Amino acid sequence: MTDTENIMIDRFCRRVETNGVSNEFLVQIIELAGSYLNLKTISAYAKENKMSYNGVKKYRQNLKIFGVKFVIDNT
């Protein structure tokens, strides 16, 4: 990550820790980030793109978040 990105994350963390935010706000942040990443589970991505589960698992960028494997396809 860039220095600017690290600064932004630090600011966000400080804001959440000192002022507190609602669960709804945090869910919105997760959903927004997921939409920018075009984040989908492997099975949802495979079905949407008419690919096999194993093909997606092997040939797409996968990331494990909260114990669940997702595909990132934000190209």
PDB file of N, CA and C in Angstrom:
ATOM      1  N   MET A   1       0.839  -1.184   0.000  1.00  0.00           N
ATOM      2  CA  MET A   1       0.000   0.000   0.000  1.00  0.00           C
ATOM      3  C   MET A   1       0.881   1.243   0.000  1.00  0.00           C
ATOM      4  N   THR A   2       0.310   2.320  -0.492  1.00  0.00           N
ATOM      5  CA  THR A   2       1.053   3.571  -0.550  1.00  0.00           C
ATOM      6  C   THR A   2       1.017   4.258   0.813  1.00  0.00           C
ATOM      7  N   ASP A   3       1.881   5.243   0.990  1.00  0.00           N
ATOM      8  CA  ASP A   3       1.879   6.021   2.233  1.00  0.00           C
ATOM      9  C   ASP A   3       0.537   6.716   2.436  1.00  0.00           C
ATOM     10  N   THR A   4      -0.027   7.246   1.371  1.00  0.00           N
ATOM     11  CA  THR A   4      -1.321   7.918   1.454  1.00  0.00           C
ATOM     12  C   THR A   4      -2.417   6.952   1.898  1.00  0.00           C
ATOM     13  N   GLU A   5      -2.389   5.749   1.354  1.00  0.00           N
ATOM     14  CA  GLU A   5      -3.384   4.743   1.743  1.00  0.00           C
ATOM     15  C   GLU A   5      -3.233   4.377   3.215  1.00  0.00           C
ATOM     16  N   ASN A   6      -2.010   4.228   3.676  1.00  0.00           N
ATOM     17  CA  ASN A   6      -1.775   3.929   5.101  1.00  0.00           C
ATOM     18  C   ASN A   6      -2.275   5.053   6.001  1.00  0.00           C
ATOM     19  N   ILE A   7      -2.059   6.298   5.588  1.00  0.00           N
ATOM     20  CA  ILE A   7      -2.538   7.450   6.356  1.00  0.00           C
ATOM     21  C   ILE A   7      -4.061   7.430   6.424  1.00  0.00           C
ATOM     22  N   MET A   8      -4.713   7.137   5.300  1.00  0.00           N
ATOM     23  CA  MET A   8      -6.177   7.090   5.274  1.00  0.00           C
ATOM     24  C   MET A   8      -6.718   6.003   6.206  1.00  0.00           C
ATOM     25  N   ILE A   9      -6.082   4.844   6.214  1.00  0.00           N
ATOM     26  CA  ILE A   9      -6.516   3.759   7.095  1.00  0.00           C
ATOM     27  C   ILE A   9      -6.311   4.148   8.550  1.00  0.00           C
ATOM     28  N   ASP A  10      -5.165   4.760   8.867  1.00  0.00           N
ATOM     29  CA  ASP A  10      -4.913   5.213  10.236  1.00  0.00           C
ATOM     30  C   ASP A  10      -5.970   6.211  10.690  1.00  0.00           C
ATOM     31  N   ARG A  11      -6.310   7.158   9.828  1.00  0.00           N
ATOM     32  CA  ARG A  11      -7.330   8.159  10.169  1.00  0.00           C
ATOM     33  C   ARG A  11      -8.683   7.501  10.408  1.00  0.00           C
ATOM     34  N   PHE A  12      -9.036   6.571   9.525  1.00  0.00           N
ATOM     35  CA  PHE A  12     -10.307   5.865   9.669  1.00  0.00           C
ATOM     36  C   PHE A  12     -10.351   5.108  11.002  1.00  0.00           C
ATOM     37  N   CYS A  13      -9.279   4.390  11.322  1.00  0.00           N
ATOM     38  CA  CYS A  13      -9.226   3.626  12.574  1.00  0.00           C
ATOM     39  C   CYS A  13      -9.343   4.541  13.788  1.00  0.00           C
ATOM     40  N   ARG A  14      -8.613   5.651  13.770  1.00  0.00           N
ATOM     41  CA  ARG A  14      -8.698   6.589  14.895  1.00  0.00           C
ATOM     42  C   ARG A  14     -10.104   7.145  15.054  1.00  0.00           C
ATOM     43  N   ARG A  15     -10.748   7.465  13.940  1.00  0.00           N
ATOM     44  CA  ARG A  15     -12.102   8.017  13.967  1.00  0.00           C
ATOM     45  C   ARG A  15     -13.079   7.000  14.559  1.00  0.00           C
ATOM     46  N   VAL A  16     -12.975   5.761  14.126  1.00  0.00           N
ATOM     47  CA  VAL A  16     -13.864   4.715  14.638  1.00  0.00           C
ATOM     48  C   VAL A  16     -13.620   4.483  16.122  1.00  0.00           C
ATOM     49  N   GLU A  17     -12.352   4.434  16.520  1.00  0.00           N
ATOM     50  CA  GLU A  17     -12.019   4.148  17.913  1.00  0.00           C
ATOM     51  C   GLU A  17     -12.390   5.291  18.852  1.00  0.00           C
ATOM     52  N   THR A  18     -12.232   6.533  18.429  1.00  0.00           N
ATOM     53  CA  THR A  18     -12.489   7.659  19.333  1.00  0.00           C
ATOM     54  C   THR A  18     -13.938   8.121  19.305  1.00  0.00           C
ATOM     55  N   ASN A  19     -14.575   8.115  18.162  1.00  0.00           N
ATOM     56  CA  ASN A  19     -15.939   8.631  18.058  1.00  0.00           C
ATOM     57  C   ASN A  19     -16.987   7.534  18.020  1.00  0.00           C
ATOM     58  N   GLY A  20     -16.576   6.352  17.667  1.00  0.00           N
ATOM     59  CA  GLY A  20     -17.531   5.273  17.518  1.00  0.00           C
ATOM     60  C   GLY A  20     -18.413   5.501  16.305  1.00  0.00           C
ATOM     61  N   VAL A  21     -18.810   4.441  15.670  1.00  0.00           N
ATOM     62  CA  VAL A  21     -19.712   4.512  14.529  1.00  0.00           C
ATOM     63  C   VAL A  21     -20.707   3.368  14.677  1.00  0.00           C
ATOM     64  N   SER A  22     -21.802   3.488  13.974  1.00  0.00           N
ATOM     65  CA  SER A  22     -22.837   2.461  14.067  1.00  0.00           C
ATOM     66  C   SER A  22     -22.445   1.225  13.259  1.00  0.00           C
ATOM     67  N   ASN A  23     -23.067   0.125  13.608  1.00  0.00           N
ATOM     68  CA  ASN A  23     -22.871  -1.108  12.836  1.00  0.00           C
ATOM     69  C   ASN A  23     -23.334  -0.913  11.406  1.00  0.00           C
ATOM     70  N   GLU A  24     -24.411  -0.157  11.230  1.00  0.00           N
ATOM     71  CA  GLU A  24     -24.925   0.098   9.889  1.00  0.00           C
ATOM     72  C   GLU A  24     -23.891   0.815   9.029  1.00  0.00           C
ATOM     73  N   PHE A  25     -23.185   1.767   9.629  1.00  0.00           N
ATOM     74  CA  PHE A  25     -22.135   2.487   8.908  1.00  0.00           C
ATOM     75  C   PHE A  25     -21.033   1.527   8.471  1.00  0.00           C
ATOM     76  N   LEU A  26     -20.589   0.676   9.386  1.00  0.00           N
ATOM     77  CA  LEU A  26     -19.517  -0.263   9.058  1.00  0.00           C
ATOM     78  C   LEU A  26     -19.961  -1.252   7.982  1.00  0.00           C
ATOM     79  N   VAL A  27     -21.208  -1.702   8.032  1.00  0.00           N
ATOM     80  CA  VAL A  27     -21.728  -2.592   6.991  1.00  0.00           C
ATOM     81  C   VAL A  27     -21.723  -1.875   5.643  1.00  0.00           C
ATOM     82  N   GLN A  28     -22.092  -0.596   5.632  1.00  0.00           N
ATOM     83  CA  GLN A  28     -22.080   0.179   4.387  1.00  0.00           C
ATOM     84  C   GLN A  28     -20.665   0.294   3.826  1.00  0.00           C
ATOM     85  N   ILE A  29     -19.678   0.469   4.689  1.00  0.00           N
ATOM     86  CA  ILE A  29     -18.278   0.539   4.247  1.00  0.00           C
ATOM     87  C   ILE A  29     -17.875  -0.790   3.598  1.00  0.00           C
ATOM     88  N   ILE A  30     -18.245  -1.903   4.236  1.00  0.00           N
ATOM     89  CA  ILE A  30     -17.910  -3.220   3.686  1.00  0.00           C
ATOM     90  C   ILE A  30     -18.584  -3.421   2.337  1.00  0.00           C
ATOM     91  N   GLU A  31     -19.877  -3.062   2.243  1.00  0.00           N
ATOM     92  CA  GLU A  31     -20.598  -3.212   0.977  1.00  0.00           C
ATOM     93  C   GLU A  31     -20.015  -2.322  -0.117  1.00  0.00           C
ATOM     94  N   LEU A  32     -19.651  -1.117   0.233  1.00  0.00           N
ATOM     95  CA  LEU A  32     -19.063  -0.201  -0.738  1.00  0.00           C
ATOM     96  C   LEU A  32     -17.733  -0.738  -1.252  1.00  0.00           C
ATOM     97  N   ALA A  33     -16.884  -1.187  -0.336  1.00  0.00           N
ATOM     98  CA  ALA A  33     -15.594  -1.752  -0.746  1.00  0.00           C
ATOM     99  C   ALA A  33     -15.810  -2.988  -1.614  1.00  0.00           C
ATOM    100  N   GLY A  34     -16.770  -3.825  -1.234  1.00  0.00           N
ATOM    101  CA  GLY A  34     -17.074  -5.019  -2.026  1.00  0.00           C
ATOM    102  C   GLY A  34     -17.532  -4.687  -3.429  1.00  0.00           C
ATOM    103  N   SER A  35     -18.300  -3.602  -3.558  1.00  0.00           N
ATOM    104  CA  SER A  35     -18.760  -3.221  -4.894  1.00  0.00           C
ATOM    105  C   SER A  35     -17.615  -2.685  -5.745  1.00  0.00           C
ATOM    106  N   TYR A  36     -16.684  -1.941  -5.136  1.00  0.00           N
ATOM    107  CA  TYR A  36     -15.523  -1.455  -5.891  1.00  0.00           C
ATOM    108  C   TYR A  36     -14.621  -2.608  -6.325  1.00  0.00           C
ATOM    109  N   LEU A  37     -14.536  -3.638  -5.489  1.00  0.00           N
ATOM    110  CA  LEU A  37     -13.705  -4.796  -5.811  1.00  0.00           C
ATOM    111  C   LEU A  37     -14.409  -5.781  -6.739  1.00  0.00           C
ATOM    112  N   ASN A  38     -15.716  -5.615  -6.921  1.00  0.00           N
ATOM    113  CA  ASN A  38     -16.552  -6.608  -7.595  1.00  0.00           C
ATOM    114  C   ASN A  38     -16.347  -7.959  -6.914  1.00  0.00           C
ATOM    115  N   LEU A  39     -16.491  -7.931  -5.601  1.00  0.00           N
ATOM    116  CA  LEU A  39     -16.244  -9.074  -4.738  1.00  0.00           C
ATOM    117  C   LEU A  39     -17.414 -10.041  -4.799  1.00  0.00           C
ATOM    118  N   LYS A  40     -17.114 -11.319  -5.089  1.00  0.00           N
ATOM    119  CA  LYS A  40     -18.139 -12.350  -5.151  1.00  0.00           C
ATOM    120  C   LYS A  40     -17.560 -13.643  -4.590  1.00  0.00           C
ATOM    121  N   THR A  41     -18.431 -14.488  -4.056  1.00  0.00           N
ATOM    122  CA  THR A  41     -17.961 -15.810  -3.662  1.00  0.00           C
ATOM    123  C   THR A  41     -17.552 -16.556  -4.931  1.00  0.00           C
ATOM    124  N   ILE A  42     -16.729 -17.570  -4.763  1.00  0.00           N
ATOM    125  CA  ILE A  42     -16.268 -18.330  -5.925  1.00  0.00           C
ATOM    126  C   ILE A  42     -17.454 -18.937  -6.665  1.00  0.00           C
ATOM    127  N   SER A  43     -18.396 -19.494  -5.912  1.00  0.00           N
ATOM    128  CA  SER A  43     -19.535 -20.133  -6.586  1.00  0.00           C
ATOM    129  C   SER A  43     -20.407 -19.109  -7.319  1.00  0.00           C
ATOM    130  N   ALA A  44     -20.638 -17.936  -6.720  1.00  0.00           N
ATOM    131  CA  ALA A  44     -21.439 -16.902  -7.383  1.00  0.00           C
ATOM    132  C   ALA A  44     -20.736 -16.398  -8.638  1.00  0.00           C
ATOM    133  N   TYR A  45     -19.422 -16.207  -8.553  1.00  0.00           N
ATOM    134  CA  TYR A  45     -18.655 -15.742  -9.713  1.00  0.00           C
ATOM    135  C   TYR A  45     -18.700 -16.786 -10.826  1.00  0.00           C
ATOM    136  N   ALA A  46     -18.514 -18.061 -10.470  1.00  0.00           N
ATOM    137  CA  ALA A  46     -18.518 -19.130 -11.461  1.00  0.00           C
ATOM    138  C   ALA A  46     -19.867 -19.191 -12.171  1.00  0.00           C
ATOM    139  N   LYS A  47     -20.942 -19.120 -11.412  1.00  0.00           N
ATOM    140  CA  LYS A  47     -22.284 -19.190 -12.003  1.00  0.00           C
ATOM    141  C   LYS A  47     -22.546 -17.995 -12.915  1.00  0.00           C
ATOM    142  N   GLU A  48     -22.183 -16.794 -12.441  1.00  0.00           N
ATOM    143  CA  GLU A  48     -22.423 -15.576 -13.216  1.00  0.00           C
ATOM    144  C   GLU A  48     -21.637 -15.546 -14.520  1.00  0.00           C
ATOM    145  N   ASN A  49     -20.435 -16.123 -14.501  1.00  0.00           N
ATOM    146  CA  ASN A  49     -19.557 -16.085 -15.673  1.00  0.00           C
ATOM    147  C   ASN A  49     -19.502 -17.408 -16.433  1.00  0.00           C
ATOM    148  N   LYS A  50     -20.409 -18.330 -16.091  1.00  0.00           N
ATOM    149  CA  LYS A  50     -20.505 -19.630 -16.752  1.00  0.00           C
ATOM    150  C   LYS A  50     -19.163 -20.352 -16.793  1.00  0.00           C
ATOM    151  N   MET A  51     -18.540 -20.412 -15.609  1.00  0.00           N
ATOM    152  CA  MET A  51     -17.261 -21.090 -15.456  1.00  0.00           C
ATOM    153  C   MET A  51     -17.421 -22.180 -14.407  1.00  0.00           C
ATOM    154  N   SER A  52     -16.470 -23.099 -14.363  1.00  0.00           N
ATOM    155  CA  SER A  52     -16.503 -24.115 -13.314  1.00  0.00           C
ATOM    156  C   SER A  52     -15.933 -23.525 -12.029  1.00  0.00           C
ATOM    157  N   TYR A  53     -16.355 -24.086 -10.920  1.00  0.00           N
ATOM    158  CA  TYR A  53     -15.862 -23.647  -9.610  1.00  0.00           C
ATOM    159  C   TYR A  53     -14.342 -23.764  -9.565  1.00  0.00           C
ATOM    160  N   ASN A  54     -13.823 -24.919  -9.997  1.00  0.00           N
ATOM    161  CA  ASN A  54     -12.369 -25.143  -9.956  1.00  0.00           C
ATOM    162  C   ASN A  54     -11.621 -24.226 -10.910  1.00  0.00           C
ATOM    163  N   GLY A  55     -12.220 -23.909 -12.051  1.00  0.00           N
ATOM    164  CA  GLY A  55     -11.587 -22.974 -12.981  1.00  0.00           C
ATOM    165  C   GLY A  55     -11.440 -21.595 -12.363  1.00  0.00           C
ATOM    166  N   VAL A  56     -12.476 -21.149 -11.668  1.00  0.00           N
ATOM    167  CA  VAL A  56     -12.416 -19.847 -10.998  1.00  0.00           C
ATOM    168  C   VAL A  56     -11.388 -19.892  -9.876  1.00  0.00           C
ATOM    169  N   LYS A  57     -11.418 -20.964  -9.124  1.00  0.00           N
ATOM    170  CA  LYS A  57     -10.497 -21.101  -7.986  1.00  0.00           C
ATOM    171  C   LYS A  57      -9.040 -21.074  -8.440  1.00  0.00           C
ATOM    172  N   LYS A  58      -8.785 -21.672  -9.599  1.00  0.00           N
ATOM    173  CA  LYS A  58      -7.405 -21.782 -10.075  1.00  0.00           C
ATOM    174  C   LYS A  58      -6.936 -20.570 -10.863  1.00  0.00           C
ATOM    175  N   TYR A  59      -7.830 -19.925 -11.634  1.00  0.00           N
ATOM    176  CA  TYR A  59      -7.390 -18.905 -12.587  1.00  0.00           C
ATOM    177  C   TYR A  59      -7.855 -17.486 -12.282  1.00  0.00           C
ATOM    178  N   ARG A  60      -8.505 -17.270 -11.165  1.00  0.00           N
ATOM    179  CA  ARG A  60      -8.928 -15.919 -10.783  1.00  0.00           C
ATOM    180  C   ARG A  60      -8.291 -15.561  -9.448  1.00  0.00           C
ATOM    181  N   GLN A  61      -8.193 -14.264  -9.180  1.00  0.00           N
ATOM    182  CA  GLN A  61      -7.608 -13.802  -7.919  1.00  0.00           C
ATOM    183  C   GLN A  61      -8.580 -14.108  -6.784  1.00  0.00           C
ATOM    184  N   ASN A  62      -8.136 -14.952  -5.855  1.00  0.00           N
ATOM    185  CA  ASN A  62      -8.948 -15.355  -4.722  1.00  0.00           C
ATOM    186  C   ASN A  62      -8.378 -14.769  -3.431  1.00  0.00           C
ATOM    187  N   LEU A  63      -9.270 -14.487  -2.507  1.00  0.00           N
ATOM    188  CA  LEU A  63      -8.869 -13.932  -1.223  1.00  0.00           C
ATOM    189  C   LEU A  63      -9.806 -14.467  -0.157  1.00  0.00           C
ATOM    190  N   LYS A  64      -9.241 -14.868   0.967  1.00  0.00           N
ATOM    191  CA  LYS A  64     -10.057 -15.368   2.064  1.00  0.00           C
ATOM    192  C   LYS A  64     -10.335 -14.217   3.030  1.00  0.00           C
ATOM    193  N   ILE A  65     -11.621 -13.915   3.230  1.00  0.00           N
ATOM    194  CA  ILE A  65     -12.042 -12.841   4.136  1.00  0.00           C
ATOM    195  C   ILE A  65     -13.072 -13.424   5.089  1.00  0.00           C
ATOM    196  N   PHE A  66     -12.862 -13.257   6.366  1.00  0.00           N
ATOM    197  CA  PHE A  66     -13.784 -13.770   7.381  1.00  0.00           C
ATOM    198  C   PHE A  66     -14.020 -15.267   7.214  1.00  0.00           C
ATOM    199  N   GLY A  67     -13.007 -15.986   6.755  1.00  0.00           N
ATOM    200  CA  GLY A  67     -13.113 -17.431   6.602  1.00  0.00           C
ATOM    201  C   GLY A  67     -13.829 -17.888   5.342  1.00  0.00           C
ATOM    202  N   VAL A  68     -14.156 -16.966   4.447  1.00  0.00           N
ATOM    203  CA  VAL A  68     -14.858 -17.289   3.206  1.00  0.00           C
ATOM    204  C   VAL A  68     -13.987 -16.860   2.023  1.00  0.00           C
ATOM    205  N   LYS A  69     -13.902 -17.715   1.008  1.00  0.00           N
ATOM    206  CA  LYS A  69     -13.108 -17.385  -0.174  1.00  0.00           C
ATOM    207  C   LYS A  69     -13.935 -16.566  -1.148  1.00  0.00           C
ATOM    208  N   PHE A  70     -13.341 -15.461  -1.588  1.00  0.00           N
ATOM    209  CA  PHE A  70     -13.978 -14.555  -2.535  1.00  0.00           C
ATOM    210  C   PHE A  70     -13.086 -14.384  -3.755  1.00  0.00           C
ATOM    211  N   VAL A  71     -13.701 -13.958  -4.849  1.00  0.00           N
ATOM    212  CA  VAL A  71     -12.975 -13.605  -6.077  1.00  0.00           C
ATOM    213  C   VAL A  71     -12.998 -12.079  -6.189  1.00  0.00           C
ATOM    214  N   ILE A  72     -11.847 -11.515  -6.512  1.00  0.00           N
ATOM    215  CA  ILE A  72     -11.745 -10.080  -6.787  1.00  0.00           C
ATOM    216  C   ILE A  72     -11.598  -9.931  -8.290  1.00  0.00           C
ATOM    217  N   ASP A  73     -12.536  -9.206  -8.896  1.00  0.00           N
ATOM    218  CA  ASP A  73     -12.503  -9.007 -10.345  1.00  0.00           C
ATOM    219  C   ASP A  73     -12.881  -7.565 -10.649  1.00  0.00           C
ATOM    220  N   ASN A  74     -11.992  -6.657 -10.342  1.00  0.00           N
ATOM    221  CA  ASN A  74     -12.297  -5.226 -10.546  1.00  0.00           C
ATOM    222  C   ASN A  74     -11.526  -4.620 -11.707  1.00  0.00           C
ATOM    223  N   THR A  75     -11.249  -5.441 -12.711  1.00  0.00           N
ATOM    224  CA  THR A  75     -10.506  -4.941 -13.860  1.00  0.00           C
ATOM    225  C   THR A  75     -11.421  -4.242 -14.835  1.00  0.00           C
TER     226      THR A  75
END
